[in-house]
Amino acid sequence: MAPDCVAVGSGSVGVALQLPQAVVRRGDTVAYAWRTFDAYPLLAERVGARPAPVPLLPDGRQDLAALLAVLGPRTRVVVRCRPSTAGEGPGTSCQTATDGNCI
């Protein structure tokens, strides 16, 4: 793995905070599936962003169409994650984007 692909921080929240700190300006939007990792709305608020939570599908997977629908000109971060901790509950398998690539 290339060194520029490695993020170092104090746990998952510390690492997850680095990206919005680098690219978000006050009033920008951070979009994420909800309910997933409880820190996402807190991280958005921490950097002055407007949280844009998108409900999960009934089977626990992320609604990628709904996630795309909330994007706007002030969206700076879109979180695409596994709902819940890896290996725990629904949504732990990879989803396929509209172009057929696993994301």
PDB file of N, CA and C in Angstrom:
ATOM      1  N   MET A   1       0.847  -1.171   0.000  1.00  0.00           N
ATOM      2  CA  MET A   1       0.000   0.000   0.000  1.00  0.00           C
ATOM      3  C   MET A   1       0.894   1.236   0.000  1.00  0.00           C
ATOM      4  N   ALA A   2       0.502   2.201  -0.791  1.00  0.00           N
ATOM      5  CA  ALA A   2       1.259   3.446  -0.879  1.00  0.00           C
ATOM      6  C   ALA A   2       1.116   4.258   0.412  1.00  0.00           C
ATOM      7  N   PRO A   3       2.187   4.889   0.857  1.00  0.00           N
ATOM      8  CA  PRO A   3       2.125   5.667   2.101  1.00  0.00           C
ATOM      9  C   PRO A   3       1.040   6.749   2.104  1.00  0.00           C
ATOM     10  N   ASP A   4       0.731   7.327   0.930  1.00  0.00           N
ATOM     11  CA  ASP A   4      -0.288   8.376   0.901  1.00  0.00           C
ATOM     12  C   ASP A   4      -1.707   7.813   1.009  1.00  0.00           C
ATOM     13  N   CYS A   5      -1.837   6.490   1.104  1.00  0.00           N
ATOM     14  CA  CYS A   5      -3.139   5.845   1.295  1.00  0.00           C
ATOM     15  C   CYS A   5      -3.357   5.455   2.748  1.00  0.00           C
ATOM     16  N   VAL A   6      -2.461   5.846   3.621  1.00  0.00           N
ATOM     17  CA  VAL A   6      -2.543   5.476   5.032  1.00  0.00           C
ATOM     18  C   VAL A   6      -2.891   6.705   5.856  1.00  0.00           C
ATOM     19  N   ALA A   7      -3.910   6.561   6.701  1.00  0.00           N
ATOM     20  CA  ALA A   7      -4.271   7.626   7.643  1.00  0.00           C
ATOM     21  C   ALA A   7      -3.961   7.127   9.042  1.00  0.00           C
ATOM     22  N   VAL A   8      -3.292   7.948   9.821  1.00  0.00           N
ATOM     23  CA  VAL A   8      -2.932   7.590  11.184  1.00  0.00           C
ATOM     24  C   VAL A   8      -3.686   8.503  12.131  1.00  0.00           C
ATOM     25  N   GLY A   9      -4.266   7.915  13.156  1.00  0.00           N
ATOM     26  CA  GLY A   9      -4.997   8.716  14.124  1.00  0.00           C
ATOM     27  C   GLY A   9      -5.275   7.921  15.373  1.00  0.00           C
ATOM     28  N   SER A  10      -5.963   8.561  16.277  1.00  0.00           N
ATOM     29  CA  SER A  10      -6.283   7.930  17.563  1.00  0.00           C
ATOM     30  C   SER A  10      -7.649   7.265  17.496  1.00  0.00           C
ATOM     31  N   GLY A  11      -7.717   6.107  16.855  1.00  0.00           N
ATOM     32  CA  GLY A  11      -8.971   5.378  16.748  1.00  0.00           C
ATOM     33  C   GLY A  11      -9.781   5.807  15.549  1.00  0.00           C
ATOM     34  N   SER A  12     -10.898   5.117  15.348  1.00  0.00           N
ATOM     35  CA  SER A  12     -11.709   5.348  14.153  1.00  0.00           C
ATOM     36  C   SER A  12     -12.303   6.751  14.108  1.00  0.00           C
ATOM     37  N   VAL A  13     -12.687   7.288  15.240  1.00  0.00           N
ATOM     38  CA  VAL A  13     -13.279   8.630  15.238  1.00  0.00           C
ATOM     39  C   VAL A  13     -12.234   9.680  14.891  1.00  0.00           C
ATOM     40  N   GLY A  14     -11.042   9.527  15.429  1.00  0.00           N
ATOM     41  CA  GLY A  14      -9.966  10.466  15.110  1.00  0.00           C
ATOM     42  C   GLY A  14      -9.630  10.465  13.634  1.00  0.00           C
ATOM     43  N   VAL A  15      -9.563   9.280  13.046  1.00  0.00           N
ATOM     44  CA  VAL A  15      -9.271   9.170  11.620  1.00  0.00           C
ATOM     45  C   VAL A  15     -10.449   9.699  10.804  1.00  0.00           C
ATOM     46  N   ALA A  16     -11.667   9.353  11.202  1.00  0.00           N
ATOM     47  CA  ALA A  16     -12.853   9.802  10.469  1.00  0.00           C
ATOM     48  C   ALA A  16     -13.017  11.319  10.519  1.00  0.00           C
ATOM     49  N   LEU A  17     -12.481  11.965  11.523  1.00  0.00           N
ATOM     50  CA  LEU A  17     -12.582  13.422  11.642  1.00  0.00           C
ATOM     51  C   LEU A  17     -11.608  14.142  10.714  1.00  0.00           C
ATOM     52  N   GLN A  18     -10.525  13.489  10.331  1.00  0.00           N
ATOM     53  CA  GLN A  18      -9.496  14.152   9.535  1.00  0.00           C
ATOM     54  C   GLN A  18     -10.002  14.638   8.178  1.00  0.00           C
ATOM     55  N   LEU A  19     -10.794  13.836   7.489  1.00  0.00           N
ATOM     56  CA  LEU A  19     -11.282  14.245   6.166  1.00  0.00           C
ATOM     57  C   LEU A  19     -12.194  15.469   6.249  1.00  0.00           C
ATOM     58  N   PRO A  20     -13.245  15.456   7.072  1.00  0.00           N
ATOM     59  CA  PRO A  20     -14.075  16.670   7.102  1.00  0.00           C
ATOM     60  C   PRO A  20     -13.313  17.904   7.590  1.00  0.00           C
ATOM     61  N   GLN A  21     -12.367  17.716   8.484  1.00  0.00           N
ATOM     62  CA  GLN A  21     -11.569  18.868   8.914  1.00  0.00           C
ATOM     63  C   GLN A  21     -10.798  19.465   7.742  1.00  0.00           C
ATOM     64  N   ALA A  22     -10.390  18.624   6.813  1.00  0.00           N
ATOM     65  CA  ALA A  22      -9.584  19.081   5.683  1.00  0.00           C
ATOM     66  C   ALA A  22     -10.410  19.732   4.577  1.00  0.00           C
ATOM     67  N   VAL A  23     -11.667  19.317   4.394  1.00  0.00           N
ATOM     68  CA  VAL A  23     -12.404  19.764   3.204  1.00  0.00           C
ATOM     69  C   VAL A  23     -13.709  20.504   3.466  1.00  0.00           C
ATOM     70  N   VAL A  24     -14.214  20.478   4.682  1.00  0.00           N
ATOM     71  CA  VAL A  24     -15.537  21.062   4.962  1.00  0.00           C
ATOM     72  C   VAL A  24     -15.392  22.486   5.481  1.00  0.00           C
ATOM     73  N   ARG A  25     -16.231  23.365   4.930  1.00  0.00           N
ATOM     74  CA  ARG A  25     -16.356  24.734   5.438  1.00  0.00           C
ATOM     75  C   ARG A  25     -17.694  24.845   6.164  1.00  0.00           C
ATOM     76  N   ARG A  26     -17.771  25.750   7.109  1.00  0.00           N
ATOM     77  CA  ARG A  26     -19.006  25.941   7.872  1.00  0.00           C
ATOM     78  C   ARG A  26     -20.186  26.089   6.920  1.00  0.00           C
ATOM     79  N   GLY A  27     -21.243  25.307   7.177  1.00  0.00           N
ATOM     80  CA  GLY A  27     -22.442  25.352   6.354  1.00  0.00           C
ATOM     81  C   GLY A  27     -22.476  24.330   5.227  1.00  0.00           C
ATOM     82  N   ASP A  28     -21.335  23.669   4.958  1.00  0.00           N
ATOM     83  CA  ASP A  28     -21.331  22.603   3.959  1.00  0.00           C
ATOM     84  C   ASP A  28     -22.128  21.414   4.482  1.00  0.00           C
ATOM     85  N   THR A  29     -22.351  20.428   3.630  1.00  0.00           N
ATOM     86  CA  THR A  29     -23.136  19.251   3.995  1.00  0.00           C
ATOM     87  C   THR A  29     -22.255  18.008   4.056  1.00  0.00           C
ATOM     88  N   VAL A  30     -22.534  17.174   5.043  1.00  0.00           N
ATOM     89  CA  VAL A  30     -21.931  15.845   5.147  1.00  0.00           C
ATOM     90  C   VAL A  30     -23.084  14.846   5.126  1.00  0.00           C
ATOM     91  N   ALA A  31     -23.111  13.984   4.102  1.00  0.00           N
ATOM     92  CA  ALA A  31     -24.193  13.007   3.936  1.00  0.00           C
ATOM     93  C   ALA A  31     -23.720  11.631   4.385  1.00  0.00           C
ATOM     94  N   TYR A  32     -24.632  10.880   5.009  1.00  0.00           N
ATOM     95  CA  TYR A  32     -24.296   9.543   5.507  1.00  0.00           C
ATOM     96  C   TYR A  32     -25.576   8.759   5.726  1.00  0.00           C
ATOM     97  N   ALA A  33     -25.457   7.441   5.667  1.00  0.00           N
ATOM     98  CA  ALA A  33     -26.604   6.577   5.964  1.00  0.00           C
ATOM     99  C   ALA A  33     -26.849   6.596   7.468  1.00  0.00           C
ATOM    100  N   TRP A  34     -28.130   6.480   7.852  1.00  0.00           N
ATOM    101  CA  TRP A  34     -28.475   6.514   9.275  1.00  0.00           C
ATOM    102  C   TRP A  34     -29.560   5.504   9.553  1.00  0.00           C
ATOM    103  N   ARG A  35     -29.381   4.669  10.402  1.00  0.00           N
ATOM    104  CA  ARG A  35     -28.521   4.667  11.548  1.00  0.00           C
ATOM    105  C   ARG A  35     -27.331   3.762  11.287  1.00  0.00           C
ATOM    106  N   THR A  36     -26.145   4.325  11.363  1.00  0.00           N
ATOM    107  CA  THR A  36     -24.916   3.557  11.215  1.00  0.00           C
ATOM    108  C   THR A  36     -24.015   3.910  12.384  1.00  0.00           C
ATOM    109  N   PHE A  37     -22.876   4.499  12.124  1.00  0.00           N
ATOM    110  CA  PHE A  37     -21.907   4.841  13.159  1.00  0.00           C
ATOM    111  C   PHE A  37     -22.365   6.121  13.851  1.00  0.00           C
ATOM    112  N   ASP A  38     -22.552   6.057  15.155  1.00  0.00           N
ATOM    113  CA  ASP A  38     -23.095   7.194  15.910  1.00  0.00           C
ATOM    114  C   ASP A  38     -22.251   8.462  15.830  1.00  0.00           C
ATOM    115  N   ALA A  39     -21.000   8.336  15.444  1.00  0.00           N
ATOM    116  CA  ALA A  39     -20.119   9.509  15.403  1.00  0.00           C
ATOM    117  C   ALA A  39     -20.351  10.394  14.188  1.00  0.00           C
ATOM    118  N   TYR A  40     -20.967   9.875  13.103  1.00  0.00           N
ATOM    119  CA  TYR A  40     -21.084  10.681  11.882  1.00  0.00           C
ATOM    120  C   TYR A  40     -21.789  12.017  12.090  1.00  0.00           C
ATOM    121  N   PRO A  41     -22.943  12.072  12.743  1.00  0.00           N
ATOM    122  CA  PRO A  41     -23.556  13.391  12.936  1.00  0.00           C
ATOM    123  C   PRO A  41     -22.720  14.287  13.840  1.00  0.00           C
ATOM    124  N   LEU A  42     -22.056  13.707  14.811  1.00  0.00           N
ATOM    125  CA  LEU A  42     -21.203  14.487  15.715  1.00  0.00           C
ATOM    126  C   LEU A  42     -20.004  15.062  14.972  1.00  0.00           C
ATOM    127  N   LEU A  43     -19.409  14.266  14.091  1.00  0.00           N
ATOM    128  CA  LEU A  43     -18.275  14.747  13.309  1.00  0.00           C
ATOM    129  C   LEU A  43     -18.699  15.885  12.383  1.00  0.00           C
ATOM    130  N   ALA A  44     -19.862  15.745  11.765  1.00  0.00           N
ATOM    131  CA  ALA A  44     -20.366  16.808  10.888  1.00  0.00           C
ATOM    132  C   ALA A  44     -20.550  18.100  11.681  1.00  0.00           C
ATOM    133  N   GLU A  45     -21.189  17.998  12.813  1.00  0.00           N
ATOM    134  CA  GLU A  45     -21.423  19.186  13.636  1.00  0.00           C
ATOM    135  C   GLU A  45     -20.115  19.777  14.144  1.00  0.00           C
ATOM    136  N   ARG A  46     -19.162  18.923  14.460  1.00  0.00           N
ATOM    137  CA  ARG A  46     -17.864  19.377  14.981  1.00  0.00           C
ATOM    138  C   ARG A  46     -17.155  20.311  14.003  1.00  0.00           C
ATOM    139  N   VAL A  47     -17.313  20.046  12.706  1.00  0.00           N
ATOM    140  CA  VAL A  47     -16.645  20.874  11.701  1.00  0.00           C
ATOM    141  C   VAL A  47     -17.563  21.959  11.142  1.00  0.00           C
ATOM    142  N   GLY A  48     -18.744  22.119  11.729  1.00  0.00           N
ATOM    143  CA  GLY A  48     -19.661  23.168  11.302  1.00  0.00           C
ATOM    144  C   GLY A  48     -20.488  22.815  10.085  1.00  0.00           C
ATOM    145  N   ALA A  49     -20.568  21.534   9.766  1.00  0.00           N
ATOM    146  CA  ALA A  49     -21.336  21.106   8.602  1.00  0.00           C
ATOM    147  C   ALA A  49     -22.791  20.845   8.977  1.00  0.00           C
ATOM    148  N   ARG A  50     -23.618  20.811   7.954  1.00  0.00           N
ATOM    149  CA  ARG A  50     -25.015  20.424   8.122  1.00  0.00           C
ATOM    150  C   ARG A  50     -25.099  18.925   7.910  1.00  0.00           C
ATOM    151  N   PRO A  51     -25.485  18.154   8.933  1.00  0.00           N
ATOM    152  CA  PRO A  51     -25.631  16.711   8.763  1.00  0.00           C
ATOM    153  C   PRO A  51     -26.789  16.391   7.816  1.00  0.00           C
ATOM    154  N   ALA A  52     -26.594  15.406   6.932  1.00  0.00           N
ATOM    155  CA  ALA A  52     -27.645  14.965   6.020  1.00  0.00           C
ATOM    156  C   ALA A  52     -27.795  13.448   6.145  1.00  0.00           C
ATOM    157  N   PRO A  53     -28.517  13.000   7.186  1.00  0.00           N
ATOM    158  CA  PRO A  53     -28.702  11.561   7.366  1.00  0.00           C
ATOM    159  C   PRO A  53     -29.716  11.003   6.375  1.00  0.00           C
ATOM    160  N   VAL A  54     -29.429   9.801   5.866  1.00  0.00           N
ATOM    161  CA  VAL A  54     -30.317   9.115   4.921  1.00  0.00           C
ATOM    162  C   VAL A  54     -30.701   7.779   5.554  1.00  0.00           C
ATOM    163  N   PRO A  55     -31.995   7.521   5.762  1.00  0.00           N
ATOM    164  CA  PRO A  55     -32.402   6.271   6.411  1.00  0.00           C
ATOM    165  C   PRO A  55     -31.955   5.031   5.640  1.00  0.00           C
ATOM    166  N   LEU A  56     -31.638   3.982   6.387  1.00  0.00           N
ATOM    167  CA  LEU A  56     -31.307   2.688   5.789  1.00  0.00           C
ATOM    168  C   LEU A  56     -32.558   2.075   5.178  1.00  0.00           C
ATOM    169  N   LEU A  57     -32.349   1.175   4.248  1.00  0.00           N
ATOM    170  CA  LEU A  57     -33.457   0.397   3.699  1.00  0.00           C
ATOM    171  C   LEU A  57     -33.986  -0.550   4.776  1.00  0.00           C
ATOM    172  N   PRO A  58     -35.208  -1.058   4.643  1.00  0.00           N
ATOM    173  CA  PRO A  58     -35.768  -1.949   5.657  1.00  0.00           C
ATOM    174  C   PRO A  58     -34.897  -3.169   5.968  1.00  0.00           C
ATOM    175  N   ASP A  59     -34.116  -3.631   4.976  1.00  0.00           N
ATOM    176  CA  ASP A  59     -33.268  -4.799   5.226  1.00  0.00           C
ATOM    177  C   ASP A  59     -31.904  -4.433   5.803  1.00  0.00           C
ATOM    178  N   GLY A  60     -31.687  -3.160   6.127  1.00  0.00           N
ATOM    179  CA  GLY A  60     -30.455  -2.728   6.773  1.00  0.00           C
ATOM    180  C   GLY A  60     -29.365  -2.265   5.840  1.00  0.00           C
ATOM    181  N   ARG A  61     -29.582  -2.348   4.518  1.00  0.00           N
ATOM    182  CA  ARG A  61     -28.581  -1.863   3.568  1.00  0.00           C
ATOM    183  C   ARG A  61     -28.757  -0.366   3.367  1.00  0.00           C
ATOM    184  N   GLN A  62     -27.707   0.255   2.839  1.00  0.00           N
ATOM    185  CA  GLN A  62     -27.797   1.670   2.538  1.00  0.00           C
ATOM    186  C   GLN A  62     -28.602   1.892   1.263  1.00  0.00           C
ATOM    187  N   ASP A  63     -29.376   2.941   1.263  1.00  0.00           N
ATOM    188  CA  ASP A  63     -30.176   3.328   0.105  1.00  0.00           C
ATOM    189  C   ASP A  63     -29.316   4.272  -0.735  1.00  0.00           C
ATOM    190  N   LEU A  64     -28.564   3.696  -1.674  1.00  0.00           N
ATOM    191  CA  LEU A  64     -27.625   4.500  -2.447  1.00  0.00           C
ATOM    192  C   LEU A  64     -28.326   5.558  -3.288  1.00  0.00           C
ATOM    193  N   ALA A  65     -29.509   5.252  -3.811  1.00  0.00           N
ATOM    194  CA  ALA A  65     -30.253   6.247  -4.594  1.00  0.00           C
ATOM    195  C   ALA A  65     -30.651   7.430  -3.715  1.00  0.00           C
ATOM    196  N   ALA A  66     -31.112   7.155  -2.511  1.00  0.00           N
ATOM    197  CA  ALA A  66     -31.491   8.237  -1.592  1.00  0.00           C
ATOM    198  C   ALA A  66     -30.267   9.025  -1.152  1.00  0.00           C
ATOM    199  N   LEU A  67     -29.147   8.340  -0.973  1.00  0.00           N
ATOM    200  CA  LEU A  67     -27.914   9.028  -0.596  1.00  0.00           C
ATOM    201  C   LEU A  67     -27.485   9.984  -1.711  1.00  0.00           C
ATOM    202  N   LEU A  68     -27.567   9.531  -2.944  1.00  0.00           N
ATOM    203  CA  LEU A  68     -27.230  10.403  -4.071  1.00  0.00           C
ATOM    204  C   LEU A  68     -28.207  11.567  -4.186  1.00  0.00           C
ATOM    205  N   ALA A  69     -29.472  11.341  -3.828  1.00  0.00           N
ATOM    206  CA  ALA A  69     -30.502  12.379  -3.962  1.00  0.00           C
ATOM    207  C   ALA A  69     -30.281  13.557  -3.018  1.00  0.00           C
ATOM    208  N   VAL A  70     -29.575  13.352  -1.917  1.00  0.00           N
ATOM    209  CA  VAL A  70     -29.366  14.463  -0.979  1.00  0.00           C
ATOM    210  C   VAL A  70     -28.143  15.306  -1.331  1.00  0.00           C
ATOM    211  N   LEU A  71     -27.392  14.891  -2.343  1.00  0.00           N
ATOM    212  CA  LEU A  71     -26.191  15.638  -2.714  1.00  0.00           C
ATOM    213  C   LEU A  71     -26.567  16.978  -3.323  1.00  0.00           C
ATOM    214  N   GLY A  72     -25.781  17.968  -3.000  1.00  0.00           N
ATOM    215  CA  GLY A  72     -26.009  19.305  -3.529  1.00  0.00           C
ATOM    216  C   GLY A  72     -24.689  20.020  -3.716  1.00  0.00           C
ATOM    217  N   PRO A  73     -24.742  21.276  -4.121  1.00  0.00           N
ATOM    218  CA  PRO A  73     -23.514  22.016  -4.397  1.00  0.00           C
ATOM    219  C   PRO A  73     -22.632  22.235  -3.161  1.00  0.00           C
ATOM    220  N   ARG A  74     -23.208  22.140  -1.970  1.00  0.00           N
ATOM    221  CA  ARG A  74     -22.411  22.337  -0.750  1.00  0.00           C
ATOM    222  C   ARG A  74     -22.055  21.019  -0.073  1.00  0.00           C
ATOM    223  N   THR A  75     -22.319  19.891  -0.730  1.00  0.00           N
ATOM    224  CA  THR A  75     -21.943  18.602  -0.163  1.00  0.00           C
ATOM    225  C   THR A  75     -20.446  18.418  -0.361  1.00  0.00           C
ATOM    226  N   ARG A  76     -19.737  18.212   0.727  1.00  0.00           N
ATOM    227  CA  ARG A  76     -18.287  18.045   0.663  1.00  0.00           C
ATOM    228  C   ARG A  76     -17.847  16.631   1.005  1.00  0.00           C
ATOM    229  N   VAL A  77     -18.648  15.927   1.806  1.00  0.00           N
ATOM    230  CA  VAL A  77     -18.292  14.569   2.219  1.00  0.00           C
ATOM    231  C   VAL A  77     -19.533  13.692   2.124  1.00  0.00           C
ATOM    232  N   VAL A  78     -19.357  12.517   1.517  1.00  0.00           N
ATOM    233  CA  VAL A  78     -20.387  11.483   1.506  1.00  0.00           C
ATOM    234  C   VAL A  78     -19.758  10.254   2.143  1.00  0.00           C
ATOM    235  N   VAL A  79     -20.336   9.814   3.238  1.00  0.00           N
ATOM    236  CA  VAL A  79     -19.808   8.648   3.937  1.00  0.00           C
ATOM    237  C   VAL A  79     -20.498   7.410   3.390  1.00  0.00           C
ATOM    238  N   ARG A  80     -19.719   6.503   2.891  1.00  0.00           N
ATOM    239  CA  ARG A  80     -20.224   5.210   2.419  1.00  0.00           C
ATOM    240  C   ARG A  80     -19.582   4.160   3.309  1.00  0.00           C
ATOM    241  N   CYS A  81     -20.361   3.557   4.152  1.00  0.00           N
ATOM    242  CA  CYS A  81     -19.819   2.625   5.129  1.00  0.00           C
ATOM    243  C   CYS A  81     -20.702   1.399   5.239  1.00  0.00           C
ATOM    244  N   ARG A  82     -20.255   0.484   6.038  1.00  0.00           N
ATOM    245  CA  ARG A  82     -21.088  -0.669   6.376  1.00  0.00           C
ATOM    246  C   ARG A  82     -21.979  -0.245   7.538  1.00  0.00           C
ATOM    247  N   PRO A  83     -23.272  -0.436   7.414  1.00  0.00           N
ATOM    248  CA  PRO A  83     -24.115  -0.132   8.571  1.00  0.00           C
ATOM    249  C   PRO A  83     -23.775  -1.094   9.698  1.00  0.00           C
ATOM    250  N   SER A  84     -23.288  -0.599  10.787  1.00  0.00           N
ATOM    251  CA  SER A  84     -22.914  -1.376  11.950  1.00  0.00           C
ATOM    252  C   SER A  84     -21.467  -1.830  11.821  1.00  0.00           C
ATOM    253  N   THR A  85     -20.978  -2.434  12.860  1.00  0.00           N
ATOM    254  CA  THR A  85     -19.609  -2.914  12.890  1.00  0.00           C
ATOM    255  C   THR A  85     -19.454  -4.118  11.972  1.00  0.00           C
ATOM    256  N   ALA A  86     -18.322  -4.225  11.316  1.00  0.00           N
ATOM    257  CA  ALA A  86     -18.084  -5.336  10.384  1.00  0.00           C
ATOM    258  C   ALA A  86     -18.372  -6.667  11.056  1.00  0.00           C
ATOM    259  N   GLY A  87     -19.097  -7.517  10.339  1.00  0.00           N
ATOM    260  CA  GLY A  87     -19.413  -8.837  10.853  1.00  0.00           C
ATOM    261  C   GLY A  87     -20.583  -8.866  11.809  1.00  0.00           C
ATOM    262  N   GLU A  88     -21.263  -7.750  11.964  1.00  0.00           N
ATOM    263  CA  GLU A  88     -22.343  -7.642  12.944  1.00  0.00           C
ATOM    264  C   GLU A  88     -23.611  -7.191  12.256  1.00  0.00           C
ATOM    265  N   GLY A  89     -24.641  -7.990  12.278  1.00  0.00           N
ATOM    266  CA  GLY A  89     -25.946  -7.573  11.789  1.00  0.00           C
ATOM    267  C   GLY A  89     -26.031  -7.395  10.288  1.00  0.00           C
ATOM    268  N   PRO A  90     -27.135  -6.767   9.822  1.00  0.00           N
ATOM    269  CA  PRO A  90     -27.368  -6.607   8.388  1.00  0.00           C
ATOM    270  C   PRO A  90     -26.418  -5.596   7.771  1.00  0.00           C
ATOM    271  N   GLY A  91     -26.250  -5.710   6.485  1.00  0.00           N
ATOM    272  CA  GLY A  91     -25.484  -4.700   5.760  1.00  0.00           C
ATOM    273  C   GLY A  91     -23.995  -4.924   5.759  1.00  0.00           C
ATOM    274  N   THR A  92     -23.528  -6.078   6.208  1.00  0.00           N
ATOM    275  CA  THR A  92     -22.095  -6.274   6.270  1.00  0.00           C
ATOM    276  C   THR A  92     -21.508  -6.788   4.972  1.00  0.00           C
ATOM    277  N   SER A  93     -22.350  -7.124   4.012  1.00  0.00           N
ATOM    278  CA  SER A  93     -21.816  -7.550   2.719  1.00  0.00           C
ATOM    279  C   SER A  93     -21.678  -6.341   1.805  1.00  0.00           C
ATOM    280  N   CYS A  94     -20.828  -6.480   0.812  1.00  0.00           N
ATOM    281  CA  CYS A  94     -20.573  -5.386  -0.106  1.00  0.00           C
ATOM    282  C   CYS A  94     -21.793  -5.120  -0.979  1.00  0.00           C
ATOM    283  N   GLN A  95     -22.060  -3.852  -1.254  1.00  0.00           N
ATOM    284  CA  GLN A  95     -23.123  -3.481  -2.173  1.00  0.00           C
ATOM    285  C   GLN A  95     -22.514  -3.147  -3.514  1.00  0.00           C
ATOM    286  N   THR A  96     -23.304  -3.172  -4.562  1.00  0.00           N
ATOM    287  CA  THR A  96     -22.816  -2.888  -5.897  1.00  0.00           C
ATOM    288  C   THR A  96     -23.407  -1.567  -6.372  1.00  0.00           C
ATOM    289  N   ALA A  97     -22.523  -0.734  -6.885  1.00  0.00           N
ATOM    290  CA  ALA A  97     -22.964   0.556  -7.438  1.00  0.00           C
ATOM    291  C   ALA A  97     -23.645   0.306  -8.777  1.00  0.00           C
ATOM    292  N   THR A  98     -24.249   1.328  -9.336  1.00  0.00           N
ATOM    293  CA  THR A  98     -24.990   1.185 -10.574  1.00  0.00           C
ATOM    294  C   THR A  98     -24.086   0.760 -11.730  1.00  0.00           C
ATOM    295  N   ASP A  99     -22.778   1.040 -11.652  1.00  0.00           N
ATOM    296  CA  ASP A  99     -21.883   0.628 -12.730  1.00  0.00           C
ATOM    297  C   ASP A  99     -21.363  -0.795 -12.542  1.00  0.00           C
ATOM    298  N   GLY A 100     -21.827  -1.493 -11.502  1.00  0.00           N
ATOM    299  CA  GLY A 100     -21.428  -2.878 -11.282  1.00  0.00           C
ATOM    300  C   GLY A 100     -20.191  -3.045 -10.428  1.00  0.00           C
ATOM    301  N   ASN A 101     -19.541  -1.949 -10.057  1.00  0.00           N
ATOM    302  CA  ASN A 101     -18.362  -2.032  -9.216  1.00  0.00           C
ATOM    303  C   ASN A 101     -18.746  -2.097  -7.755  1.00  0.00           C
ATOM    304  N   CYS A 102     -18.036  -2.912  -7.033  1.00  0.00           N
ATOM    305  CA  CYS A 102     -18.282  -3.042  -5.600  1.00  0.00           C
ATOM    306  C   CYS A 102     -17.757  -1.799  -4.900  1.00  0.00           C
ATOM    307  N   ILE A 103     -18.588  -1.255  -4.011  1.00  0.00           N
ATOM    308  CA  ILE A 103     -18.149  -0.077  -3.258  1.00  0.00           C
ATOM    309  C   ILE A 103     -18.274  -0.327  -1.779  1.00  0.00           C
TER     310      ILE A 103
END
